[in-house]
């Protein structure tokens, strides 16, 4: 799994990979590499569950930041690739999702 993660060239690809896999199936060492690649501080004697929680929090925070930027800058929102709601760990909520749905509907009409 870590090889696939390291082959991802963008943050977006890494987040999509992490969102589409079960983090509990990753080894403790792989999770440590992921934390390091995401720029998160290494903690001594951290359990696997704590590492998973920190990665999931990072994913949620990143998603929230992208949605906030998208709701403030429509041009940036247009450049964010569409994704299917069943492809992520997190349910789409908020103004960003509403705007994305409206834009997607408008494209089909």
PDB file of N, CA and C in Angstrom:
ATOM      1  N   UNK A   1       0.816  -1.194   0.000  1.00  0.00           N
ATOM      2  CA  UNK A   1       0.000   0.000   0.000  1.00  0.00           C
ATOM      3  C   UNK A   1       0.861   1.261   0.000  1.00  0.00           C
ATOM      4  N   UNK A   2       1.967   1.219   0.719  1.00  0.00           N
ATOM      5  CA  UNK A   2       2.803   2.420   0.807  1.00  0.00           C
ATOM      6  C   UNK A   2       3.405   2.750  -0.556  1.00  0.00           C
ATOM      7  N   UNK A   3       3.666   1.732  -1.377  1.00  0.00           N
ATOM      8  CA  UNK A   3       4.202   1.996  -2.722  1.00  0.00           C
ATOM      9  C   UNK A   3       3.201   2.796  -3.546  1.00  0.00           C
ATOM     10  N   UNK A   4       1.922   2.411  -3.474  1.00  0.00           N
ATOM     11  CA  UNK A   4       0.885   3.160  -4.197  1.00  0.00           C
ATOM     12  C   UNK A   4       0.814   4.595  -3.685  1.00  0.00           C
ATOM     13  N   UNK A   5       0.915   4.752  -2.368  1.00  0.00           N
ATOM     14  CA  UNK A   5       0.850   6.086  -1.769  1.00  0.00           C
ATOM     15  C   UNK A   5       2.005   6.955  -2.252  1.00  0.00           C
ATOM     16  N   UNK A   6       3.204   6.397  -2.269  1.00  0.00           N
ATOM     17  CA  UNK A   6       4.377   7.162  -2.683  1.00  0.00           C
ATOM     18  C   UNK A   6       4.380   7.451  -4.186  1.00  0.00           C
ATOM     19  N   UNK A   7       3.679   6.644  -4.976  1.00  0.00           N
ATOM     20  CA  UNK A   7       3.587   6.892  -6.415  1.00  0.00           C
ATOM     21  C   UNK A   7       2.660   8.058  -6.741  1.00  0.00           C
ATOM     22  N   UNK A   8       1.794   8.424  -5.806  1.00  0.00           N
ATOM     23  CA  UNK A   8       0.888   9.558  -6.034  1.00  0.00           C
ATOM     24  C   UNK A   8       1.712  10.837  -6.092  1.00  0.00           C
ATOM     25  N   UNK A   9       1.502  11.619  -7.137  1.00  0.00           N
ATOM     26  CA  UNK A   9       2.320  12.818  -7.324  1.00  0.00           C
ATOM     27  C   UNK A   9       1.687  14.081  -6.754  1.00  0.00           C
ATOM     28  N   UNK A  10       0.397  14.052  -6.462  1.00  0.00           N
ATOM     29  CA  UNK A  10      -0.256  15.244  -5.920  1.00  0.00           C
ATOM     30  C   UNK A  10      -0.932  14.925  -4.596  1.00  0.00           C
ATOM     31  N   UNK A  11      -1.182  15.960  -3.828  1.00  0.00           N
ATOM     32  CA  UNK A  11      -1.886  15.798  -2.558  1.00  0.00           C
ATOM     33  C   UNK A  11      -3.270  15.217  -2.811  1.00  0.00           C
ATOM     34  N   UNK A  12      -3.907  15.675  -3.857  1.00  0.00           N
ATOM     35  CA  UNK A  12      -5.255  15.202  -4.212  1.00  0.00           C
ATOM     36  C   UNK A  12      -5.254  13.691  -4.446  1.00  0.00           C
ATOM     37  N   UNK A  13      -4.261  13.176  -5.185  1.00  0.00           N
ATOM     38  CA  UNK A  13      -4.171  11.735  -5.443  1.00  0.00           C
ATOM     39  C   UNK A  13      -3.959  10.966  -4.147  1.00  0.00           C
ATOM     40  N   UNK A  14      -3.104  11.488  -3.277  1.00  0.00           N
ATOM     41  CA  UNK A  14      -2.846  10.816  -1.998  1.00  0.00           C
ATOM     42  C   UNK A  14      -4.106  10.759  -1.145  1.00  0.00           C
ATOM     43  N   UNK A  15      -4.833  11.858  -1.117  1.00  0.00           N
ATOM     44  CA  UNK A  15      -6.059  11.894  -0.320  1.00  0.00           C
ATOM     45  C   UNK A  15      -7.096  10.931  -0.889  1.00  0.00           C
ATOM     46  N   UNK A  16      -7.210  10.866  -2.201  1.00  0.00           N
ATOM     47  CA  UNK A  16      -8.148   9.924  -2.817  1.00  0.00           C
ATOM     48  C   UNK A  16      -7.761   8.483  -2.495  1.00  0.00           C
ATOM     49  N   UNK A  17      -6.467   8.180  -2.519  1.00  0.00           N
ATOM     50  CA  UNK A  17      -6.010   6.828  -2.180  1.00  0.00           C
ATOM     51  C   UNK A  17      -6.341   6.505  -0.725  1.00  0.00           C
ATOM     52  N   UNK A  18      -6.016   7.425   0.185  1.00  0.00           N
ATOM     53  CA  UNK A  18      -6.287   7.190   1.600  1.00  0.00           C
ATOM     54  C   UNK A  18      -7.782   7.061   1.865  1.00  0.00           C
ATOM     55  N   UNK A  19      -8.583   7.844   1.163  1.00  0.00           N
ATOM     56  CA  UNK A  19     -10.030   7.813   1.359  1.00  0.00           C
ATOM     57  C   UNK A  19     -10.662   6.534   0.826  1.00  0.00           C
ATOM     58  N   UNK A  20     -10.022   5.909  -0.132  1.00  0.00           N
ATOM     59  CA  UNK A  20     -10.609   4.717  -0.748  1.00  0.00           C
ATOM     60  C   UNK A  20     -10.078   3.415  -0.150  1.00  0.00           C
ATOM     61  N   UNK A  21      -9.249   3.495   0.875  1.00  0.00           N
ATOM     62  CA  UNK A  21      -8.719   2.279   1.495  1.00  0.00           C
ATOM     63  C   UNK A  21      -9.092   2.234   2.972  1.00  0.00           C
ATOM     64  N   UNK A  22      -8.993   1.065   3.540  1.00  0.00           N
ATOM     65  CA  UNK A  22      -9.222   0.884   4.973  1.00  0.00           C
ATOM     66  C   UNK A  22      -7.889   1.116   5.678  1.00  0.00           C
ATOM     67  N   UNK A  23      -7.800   2.190   6.434  1.00  0.00           N
ATOM     68  CA  UNK A  23      -6.534   2.506   7.101  1.00  0.00           C
ATOM     69  C   UNK A  23      -6.151   1.450   8.130  1.00  0.00           C
ATOM     70  N   UNK A  24      -7.135   0.735   8.677  1.00  0.00           N
ATOM     71  CA  UNK A  24      -6.812  -0.296   9.668  1.00  0.00           C
ATOM     72  C   UNK A  24      -6.037  -1.455   9.050  1.00  0.00           C
ATOM     73  N   UNK A  25      -6.084  -1.585   7.716  1.00  0.00           N
ATOM     74  CA  UNK A  25      -5.352  -2.647   7.024  1.00  0.00           C
ATOM     75  C   UNK A  25      -3.891  -2.282   6.762  1.00  0.00           C
ATOM     76  N   UNK A  26      -3.520  -1.026   6.981  1.00  0.00           N
ATOM     77  CA  UNK A  26      -2.148  -0.577   6.756  1.00  0.00           C
ATOM     78  C   UNK A  26      -1.294  -0.973   7.962  1.00  0.00           C
ATOM     79  N   UNK A  27      -0.033  -1.273   7.712  1.00  0.00           N
ATOM     80  CA  UNK A  27       0.865  -1.621   8.814  1.00  0.00           C
ATOM     81  C   UNK A  27       1.227  -0.365   9.603  1.00  0.00           C
ATOM     82  N   UNK A  28       1.705  -0.571  10.804  1.00  0.00           N
ATOM     83  CA  UNK A  28       2.087   0.547  11.669  1.00  0.00           C
ATOM     84  C   UNK A  28       3.192   1.386  11.022  1.00  0.00           C
ATOM     85  N   UNK A  29       4.135   0.712  10.388  1.00  0.00           N
ATOM     86  CA  UNK A  29       5.239   1.411   9.724  1.00  0.00           C
ATOM     87  C   UNK A  29       4.730   2.227   8.526  1.00  0.00           C
ATOM     88  N   UNK A  30       3.800   1.661   7.761  1.00  0.00           N
ATOM     89  CA  UNK A  30       3.218   2.391   6.629  1.00  0.00           C
ATOM     90  C   UNK A  30       2.500   3.649   7.104  1.00  0.00           C
ATOM     91  N   UNK A  31       1.757   3.530   8.200  1.00  0.00           N
ATOM     92  CA  UNK A  31       1.053   4.697   8.745  1.00  0.00           C
ATOM     93  C   UNK A  31       2.042   5.774   9.179  1.00  0.00           C
ATOM     94  N   UNK A  32       3.186   5.355   9.722  1.00  0.00           N
ATOM     95  CA  UNK A  32       4.214   6.323  10.119  1.00  0.00           C
ATOM     96  C   UNK A  32       4.750   7.063   8.892  1.00  0.00           C
ATOM     97  N   UNK A  33       4.951   6.340   7.787  1.00  0.00           N
ATOM     98  CA  UNK A  33       5.403   6.985   6.542  1.00  0.00           C
ATOM     99  C   UNK A  33       4.356   7.969   6.015  1.00  0.00           C
ATOM    100  N   UNK A  34       3.092   7.583   6.101  1.00  0.00           N
ATOM    101  CA  UNK A  34       2.010   8.458   5.642  1.00  0.00           C
ATOM    102  C   UNK A  34       1.992   9.740   6.469  1.00  0.00           C
ATOM    103  N   UNK A  35       2.095   9.604   7.787  1.00  0.00           N
ATOM    104  CA  UNK A  35       2.122  10.786   8.657  1.00  0.00           C
ATOM    105  C   UNK A  35       3.277  11.707   8.284  1.00  0.00           C
ATOM    106  N   UNK A  36       4.430  11.112   8.032  1.00  0.00           N
ATOM    107  CA  UNK A  36       5.608  11.904   7.657  1.00  0.00           C
ATOM    108  C   UNK A  36       5.391  12.600   6.312  1.00  0.00           C
ATOM    109  N   UNK A  37       4.819  11.878   5.350  1.00  0.00           N
ATOM    110  CA  UNK A  37       4.578  12.456   4.024  1.00  0.00           C
ATOM    111  C   UNK A  37       3.559  13.588   4.076  1.00  0.00           C
ATOM    112  N   UNK A  38       2.610  13.502   4.999  1.00  0.00           N
ATOM    113  CA  UNK A  38       1.604  14.552   5.146  1.00  0.00           C
ATOM    114  C   UNK A  38       2.125  15.735   5.954  1.00  0.00           C
ATOM    115  N   UNK A  39       3.338  15.595   6.485  1.00  0.00           N
ATOM    116  CA  UNK A  39       3.939  16.692   7.238  1.00  0.00           C
ATOM    117  C   UNK A  39       3.475  16.761   8.679  1.00  0.00           C
ATOM    118  N   UNK A  40       2.959  15.656   9.191  1.00  0.00           N
ATOM    119  CA  UNK A  40       2.495  15.629  10.573  1.00  0.00           C
ATOM    120  C   UNK A  40       3.632  15.191  11.489  1.00  0.00           C
ATOM    121  N   UNK A  41       3.654  15.763  12.665  1.00  0.00           N
ATOM    122  CA  UNK A  41       4.725  15.527  13.625  1.00  0.00           C
ATOM    123  C   UNK A  41       4.729  14.075  14.107  1.00  0.00           C
ATOM    124  N   UNK A  42       5.930  13.508  14.215  1.00  0.00           N
ATOM    125  CA  UNK A  42       6.078  12.135  14.695  1.00  0.00           C
ATOM    126  C   UNK A  42       6.006  12.130  16.222  1.00  0.00           C
ATOM    127  N   UNK A  43       5.203  11.222  16.772  1.00  0.00           N
ATOM    128  CA  UNK A  43       5.058  11.123  18.223  1.00  0.00           C
ATOM    129  C   UNK A  43       5.577   9.766  18.680  1.00  0.00           C
ATOM    130  N   UNK A  44       6.297   9.776  19.783  1.00  0.00           N
ATOM    131  CA  UNK A  44       6.848   8.537  20.339  1.00  0.00           C
ATOM    132  C   UNK A  44       5.735   7.673  20.926  1.00  0.00           C
ATOM    133  N   UNK A  45       5.855   6.362  20.771  1.00  0.00           N
ATOM    134  CA  UNK A  45       4.933   5.383  21.347  1.00  0.00           C
ATOM    135  C   UNK A  45       3.472   5.654  21.005  1.00  0.00           C
ATOM    136  N   UNK A  46       3.221   6.103  19.803  1.00  0.00           N
ATOM    137  CA  UNK A  46       1.849   6.367  19.369  1.00  0.00           C
ATOM    138  C   UNK A  46       1.232   5.070  18.852  1.00  0.00           C
ATOM    139  N   UNK A  47       0.019   4.779  19.288  1.00  0.00           N
ATOM    140  CA  UNK A  47      -0.640   3.547  18.858  1.00  0.00           C
ATOM    141  C   UNK A  47      -1.142   3.676  17.424  1.00  0.00           C
ATOM    142  N   UNK A  48      -1.431   2.537  16.820  1.00  0.00           N
ATOM    143  CA  UNK A  48      -1.938   2.512  15.451  1.00  0.00           C
ATOM    144  C   UNK A  48      -3.256   3.274  15.350  1.00  0.00           C
ATOM    145  N   UNK A  49      -4.114   3.115  16.334  1.00  0.00           N
ATOM    146  CA  UNK A  49      -5.411   3.803  16.333  1.00  0.00           C
ATOM    147  C   UNK A  49      -5.219   5.313  16.357  1.00  0.00           C
ATOM    148  N   UNK A  50      -4.256   5.785  17.145  1.00  0.00           N
ATOM    149  CA  UNK A  50      -3.988   7.227  17.204  1.00  0.00           C
ATOM    150  C   UNK A  50      -3.457   7.746  15.866  1.00  0.00           C
ATOM    151  N   UNK A  51      -2.620   6.951  15.207  1.00  0.00           N
ATOM    152  CA  UNK A  51      -2.102   7.350  13.887  1.00  0.00           C
ATOM    153  C   UNK A  51      -3.242   7.452  12.876  1.00  0.00           C
ATOM    154  N   UNK A  52      -4.125   6.473  12.892  1.00  0.00           N
ATOM    155  CA  UNK A  52      -5.273   6.491  11.983  1.00  0.00           C
ATOM    156  C   UNK A  52      -6.149   7.707  12.266  1.00  0.00           C
ATOM    157  N   UNK A  53      -6.380   7.993  13.537  1.00  0.00           N
ATOM    158  CA  UNK A  53      -7.208   9.151  13.908  1.00  0.00           C
ATOM    159  C   UNK A  53      -6.582  10.450  13.411  1.00  0.00           C
ATOM    160  N   UNK A  54      -5.269  10.576  13.527  1.00  0.00           N
ATOM    161  CA  UNK A  54      -4.595  11.796  13.060  1.00  0.00           C
ATOM    162  C   UNK A  54      -4.674  11.926  11.540  1.00  0.00           C
ATOM    163  N   UNK A  55      -4.530  10.812  10.821  1.00  0.00           N
ATOM    164  CA  UNK A  55      -4.632  10.847   9.359  1.00  0.00           C
ATOM    165  C   UNK A  55      -6.052  11.228   8.949  1.00  0.00           C
ATOM    166  N   UNK A  56      -7.058  10.632   9.591  1.00  0.00           N
ATOM    167  CA  UNK A  56      -8.445  10.952   9.256  1.00  0.00           C
ATOM    168  C   UNK A  56      -8.773  12.406   9.578  1.00  0.00           C
ATOM    169  N   UNK A  57      -8.223  12.931  10.668  1.00  0.00           N
ATOM    170  CA  UNK A  57      -8.438  14.342  11.007  1.00  0.00           C
ATOM    171  C   UNK A  57      -7.792  15.230   9.946  1.00  0.00           C
ATOM    172  N   UNK A  58      -6.600  14.861   9.493  1.00  0.00           N
ATOM    173  CA  UNK A  58      -5.934  15.622   8.433  1.00  0.00           C
ATOM    174  C   UNK A  58      -6.797  15.638   7.170  1.00  0.00           C
ATOM    175  N   UNK A  59      -7.343  14.480   6.800  1.00  0.00           N
ATOM    176  CA  UNK A  59      -8.189  14.397   5.613  1.00  0.00           C
ATOM    177  C   UNK A  59      -9.429  15.279   5.755  1.00  0.00           C
ATOM    178  N   UNK A  60     -10.052  15.239   6.922  1.00  0.00           N
ATOM    179  CA  UNK A  60     -11.250  16.056   7.151  1.00  0.00           C
ATOM    180  C   UNK A  60     -10.912  17.544   7.110  1.00  0.00           C
ATOM    181  N   UNK A  61      -9.798  17.928   7.732  1.00  0.00           N
ATOM    182  CA  UNK A  61      -9.386  19.339   7.731  1.00  0.00           C
ATOM    183  C   UNK A  61      -9.056  19.811   6.323  1.00  0.00           C
ATOM    184  N   UNK A  62      -8.367  18.982   5.560  1.00  0.00           N
ATOM    185  CA  UNK A  62      -8.010  19.343   4.187  1.00  0.00           C
ATOM    186  C   UNK A  62      -9.276  19.531   3.350  1.00  0.00           C
ATOM    187  N   UNK A  63     -10.213  18.609   3.495  1.00  0.00           N
ATOM    188  CA  UNK A  63     -11.469  18.693   2.754  1.00  0.00           C
ATOM    189  C   UNK A  63     -12.219  19.966   3.132  1.00  0.00           C
ATOM    190  N   UNK A  64     -12.246  20.281   4.409  1.00  0.00           N
ATOM    191  CA  UNK A  64     -12.926  21.497   4.873  1.00  0.00           C
ATOM    192  C   UNK A  64     -12.272  22.739   4.274  1.00  0.00           C
ATOM    193  N   UNK A  65     -10.953  22.783   4.255  1.00  0.00           N
ATOM    194  CA  UNK A  65     -10.237  23.932   3.678  1.00  0.00           C
ATOM    195  C   UNK A  65     -10.556  24.097   2.193  1.00  0.00           C
ATOM    196  N   UNK A  66     -10.578  22.993   1.464  1.00  0.00           N
ATOM    197  CA  UNK A  66     -10.885  23.049   0.035  1.00  0.00           C
ATOM    198  C   UNK A  66     -12.307  23.570  -0.178  1.00  0.00           C
ATOM    199  N   UNK A  67     -13.248  23.088   0.632  1.00  0.00           N
ATOM    200  CA  UNK A  67     -14.632  23.546   0.503  1.00  0.00           C
ATOM    201  C   UNK A  67     -14.762  25.028   0.818  1.00  0.00           C
ATOM    202  N   UNK A  68     -14.034  25.494   1.837  1.00  0.00           N
ATOM    203  CA  UNK A  68     -14.112  26.915   2.189  1.00  0.00           C
ATOM    204  C   UNK A  68     -13.553  27.778   1.071  1.00  0.00           C
ATOM    205  N   UNK A  69     -12.423  27.382   0.529  1.00  0.00           N
ATOM    206  CA  UNK A  69     -11.844  28.136  -0.584  1.00  0.00           C
ATOM    207  C   UNK A  69     -12.794  28.131  -1.773  1.00  0.00           C
ATOM    208  N   UNK A  70     -13.400  26.982  -2.020  1.00  0.00           N
ATOM    209  CA  UNK A  70     -14.306  26.863  -3.159  1.00  0.00           C
ATOM    210  C   UNK A  70     -15.534  27.743  -2.988  1.00  0.00           C
ATOM    211  N   UNK A  71     -16.022  27.854  -1.778  1.00  0.00           N
ATOM    212  CA  UNK A  71     -17.214  28.676  -1.575  1.00  0.00           C
ATOM    213  C   UNK A  71     -16.889  30.163  -1.665  1.00  0.00           C
ATOM    214  N   UNK A  72     -15.623  30.530  -1.471  1.00  0.00           N
ATOM    215  CA  UNK A  72     -15.224  31.929  -1.552  1.00  0.00           C
ATOM    216  C   UNK A  72     -14.794  32.326  -2.958  1.00  0.00           C
ATOM    217  N   UNK A  73     -14.272  31.379  -3.694  1.00  0.00           N
ATOM    218  CA  UNK A  73     -13.732  31.668  -5.020  1.00  0.00           C
ATOM    219  C   UNK A  73     -14.356  30.711  -6.031  1.00  0.00           C
ATOM    220  N   UNK A  74     -15.353  31.173  -6.734  1.00  0.00           N
ATOM    221  CA  UNK A  74     -16.068  30.309  -7.680  1.00  0.00           C
ATOM    222  C   UNK A  74     -15.151  29.762  -8.766  1.00  0.00           C
ATOM    223  N   UNK A  75     -14.146  30.547  -9.172  1.00  0.00           N
ATOM    224  CA  UNK A  75     -13.232  30.083 -10.211  1.00  0.00           C
ATOM    225  C   UNK A  75     -12.438  28.876  -9.710  1.00  0.00           C
ATOM    226  N   UNK A  76     -11.983  28.921  -8.452  1.00  0.00           N
ATOM    227  CA  UNK A  76     -11.272  27.771  -7.887  1.00  0.00           C
ATOM    228  C   UNK A  76     -12.202  26.573  -7.802  1.00  0.00           C
ATOM    229  N   UNK A  77     -13.456  26.810  -7.443  1.00  0.00           N
ATOM    230  CA  UNK A  77     -14.405  25.715  -7.324  1.00  0.00           C
ATOM    231  C   UNK A  77     -14.596  25.023  -8.671  1.00  0.00           C
ATOM    232  N   UNK A  78     -14.620  25.793  -9.743  1.00  0.00           N
ATOM    233  CA  UNK A  78     -14.776  25.208 -11.069  1.00  0.00           C
ATOM    234  C   UNK A  78     -13.601  24.313 -11.430  1.00  0.00           C
ATOM    235  N   UNK A  79     -12.423  24.585 -10.876  1.00  0.00           N
ATOM    236  CA  UNK A  79     -11.241  23.794 -11.215  1.00  0.00           C
ATOM    237  C   UNK A  79     -11.091  22.542 -10.359  1.00  0.00           C
ATOM    238  N   UNK A  80     -11.890  22.400  -9.293  1.00  0.00           N
ATOM    239  CA  UNK A  80     -11.809  21.214  -8.442  1.00  0.00           C
ATOM    240  C   UNK A  80     -12.501  20.062  -9.165  1.00  0.00           C
ATOM    241  N   UNK A  81     -11.808  18.931  -9.346  1.00  0.00           N
ATOM    242  CA  UNK A  81     -12.421  17.813 -10.059  1.00  0.00           C
ATOM    243  C   UNK A  81     -13.637  17.273  -9.301  1.00  0.00           C
ATOM    244  N   UNK A  82     -14.660  16.886 -10.041  1.00  0.00           N
ATOM    245  CA  UNK A  82     -15.842  16.300  -9.424  1.00  0.00           C
ATOM    246  C   UNK A  82     -15.513  14.904  -8.934  1.00  0.00           C
ATOM    247  N   UNK A  83     -16.186  14.507  -7.870  1.00  0.00           N
ATOM    248  CA  UNK A  83     -16.014  13.156  -7.362  1.00  0.00           C
ATOM    249  C   UNK A  83     -17.374  12.631  -6.934  1.00  0.00           C
ATOM    250  N   UNK A  84     -17.523  11.347  -6.982  1.00  0.00           N
ATOM    251  CA  UNK A  84     -18.781  10.744  -6.578  1.00  0.00           C
ATOM    252  C   UNK A  84     -18.805  10.652  -5.065  1.00  0.00           C
ATOM    253  N   UNK A  85     -19.960  10.911  -4.463  1.00  0.00           N
ATOM    254  CA  UNK A  85     -20.055  10.959  -3.009  1.00  0.00           C
ATOM    255  C   UNK A  85     -19.740   9.615  -2.359  1.00  0.00           C
ATOM    256  N   UNK A  86     -19.942   8.506  -3.058  1.00  0.00           N
ATOM    257  CA  UNK A  86     -19.657   7.205  -2.455  1.00  0.00           C
ATOM    258  C   UNK A  86     -18.175   6.847  -2.514  1.00  0.00           C
ATOM    259  N   UNK A  87     -17.340   7.709  -3.072  1.00  0.00           N
ATOM    260  CA  UNK A  87     -15.916   7.426  -3.205  1.00  0.00           C
ATOM    261  C   UNK A  87     -15.092   7.964  -2.034  1.00  0.00           C
ATOM    262  N   UNK A  88     -15.709   8.644  -1.060  1.00  0.00           N
ATOM    263  CA  UNK A  88     -14.952   9.242   0.031  1.00  0.00           C
ATOM    264  C   UNK A  88     -15.414   8.701   1.371  1.00  0.00           C
ATOM    265  N   UNK A  89     -14.622   8.948   2.392  1.00  0.00           N
ATOM    266  CA  UNK A  89     -14.987   8.566   3.751  1.00  0.00           C
ATOM    267  C   UNK A  89     -15.981   9.548   4.354  1.00  0.00           C
ATOM    268  N   UNK A  90     -16.019  10.743   3.836  1.00  0.00           N
ATOM    269  CA  UNK A  90     -16.779  11.819   4.454  1.00  0.00           C
ATOM    270  C   UNK A  90     -17.970  12.207   3.599  1.00  0.00           C
ATOM    271  N   UNK A  91     -19.099  12.405   4.242  1.00  0.00           N
ATOM    272  CA  UNK A  91     -20.305  12.816   3.536  1.00  0.00           C
ATOM    273  C   UNK A  91     -20.195  14.281   3.147  1.00  0.00           C
ATOM    274  N   UNK A  92     -20.642  14.590   1.957  1.00  0.00           N
ATOM    275  CA  UNK A  92     -20.590  15.969   1.473  1.00  0.00           C
ATOM    276  C   UNK A  92     -21.602  16.817   2.233  1.00  0.00           C
ATOM    277  N   UNK A  93     -21.157  17.955   2.761  1.00  0.00           N
ATOM    278  CA  UNK A  93     -22.033  18.856   3.498  1.00  0.00           C
ATOM    279  C   UNK A  93     -21.645  20.285   3.187  1.00  0.00           C
ATOM    280  N   UNK A  94     -22.545  21.193   3.473  1.00  0.00           N
ATOM    281  CA  UNK A  94     -22.221  22.605   3.427  1.00  0.00           C
ATOM    282  C   UNK A  94     -22.456  23.260   2.087  1.00  0.00           C
ATOM    283  N   UNK A  95     -22.104  24.531   2.045  1.00  0.00           N
ATOM    284  CA  UNK A  95     -22.314  25.369   0.873  1.00  0.00           C
ATOM    285  C   UNK A  95     -21.514  24.871  -0.332  1.00  0.00           C
ATOM    286  N   UNK A  96     -20.302  24.379  -0.084  1.00  0.00           N
ATOM    287  CA  UNK A  96     -19.475  23.872  -1.181  1.00  0.00           C
ATOM    288  C   UNK A  96     -20.168  22.750  -1.937  1.00  0.00           C
ATOM    289  N   UNK A  97     -20.785  21.829  -1.193  1.00  0.00           N
ATOM    290  CA  UNK A  97     -21.495  20.710  -1.824  1.00  0.00           C
ATOM    291  C   UNK A  97     -22.728  21.210  -2.566  1.00  0.00           C
ATOM    292  N   UNK A  98     -23.453  22.140  -1.965  1.00  0.00           N
ATOM    293  CA  UNK A  98     -24.639  22.692  -2.604  1.00  0.00           C
ATOM    294  C   UNK A  98     -24.278  23.355  -3.935  1.00  0.00           C
ATOM    295  N   UNK A  99     -23.211  24.149  -3.920  1.00  0.00           N
ATOM    296  CA  UNK A  99     -22.774  24.829  -5.139  1.00  0.00           C
ATOM    297  C   UNK A  99     -22.301  23.816  -6.189  1.00  0.00           C
ATOM    298  N   UNK A 100     -21.557  22.809  -5.761  1.00  0.00           N
ATOM    299  CA  UNK A 100     -21.070  21.790  -6.695  1.00  0.00           C
ATOM    300  C   UNK A 100     -22.237  21.035  -7.323  1.00  0.00           C
ATOM    301  N   UNK A 101     -23.259  20.726  -6.525  1.00  0.00           N
ATOM    302  CA  UNK A 101     -24.438  20.032  -7.051  1.00  0.00           C
ATOM    303  C   UNK A 101     -25.166  20.897  -8.069  1.00  0.00           C
ATOM    304  N   UNK A 102     -25.306  22.182  -7.753  1.00  0.00           N
ATOM    305  CA  UNK A 102     -25.983  23.099  -8.668  1.00  0.00           C
ATOM    306  C   UNK A 102     -25.210  23.222  -9.981  1.00  0.00           C
ATOM    307  N   UNK A 103     -23.890  23.320  -9.878  1.00  0.00           N
ATOM    308  CA  UNK A 103     -23.059  23.434 -11.082  1.00  0.00           C
ATOM    309  C   UNK A 103     -23.145  22.150 -11.916  1.00  0.00           C
ATOM    310  N   UNK A 104     -23.119  21.004 -11.255  1.00  0.00           N
ATOM    311  CA  UNK A 104     -23.206  19.728 -11.968  1.00  0.00           C
ATOM    312  C   UNK A 104     -24.561  19.598 -12.655  1.00  0.00           C
ATOM    313  N   UNK A 105     -25.613  20.007 -11.982  1.00  0.00           N
ATOM    314  CA  UNK A 105     -26.951  19.952 -12.570  1.00  0.00           C
ATOM    315  C   UNK A 105     -27.041  20.884 -13.771  1.00  0.00           C
ATOM    316  N   UNK A 106     -26.465  22.070 -13.633  1.00  0.00           N
ATOM    317  CA  UNK A 106     -26.518  23.056 -14.705  1.00  0.00           C
ATOM    318  C   UNK A 106     -25.798  22.545 -15.956  1.00  0.00           C
ATOM    319  N   UNK A 107     -24.711  21.800 -15.766  1.00  0.00           N
ATOM    320  CA  UNK A 107     -23.965  21.256 -16.905  1.00  0.00           C
ATOM    321  C   UNK A 107     -24.770  20.210 -17.663  1.00  0.00           C
ATOM    322  N   UNK A 108     -25.659  19.503 -16.961  1.00  0.00           N
ATOM    323  CA  UNK A 108     -26.434  18.446 -17.607  1.00  0.00           C
ATOM    324  C   UNK A 108     -27.654  18.982 -18.330  1.00  0.00           C
ATOM    325  N   UNK A 109     -28.050  20.193 -17.997  1.00  0.00           N
ATOM    326  CA  UNK A 109     -29.261  20.776 -18.608  1.00  0.00           C
ATOM    327  C   UNK A 109     -28.951  21.394 -19.944  1.00  0.00           C
TER     328      UNK A 109
END
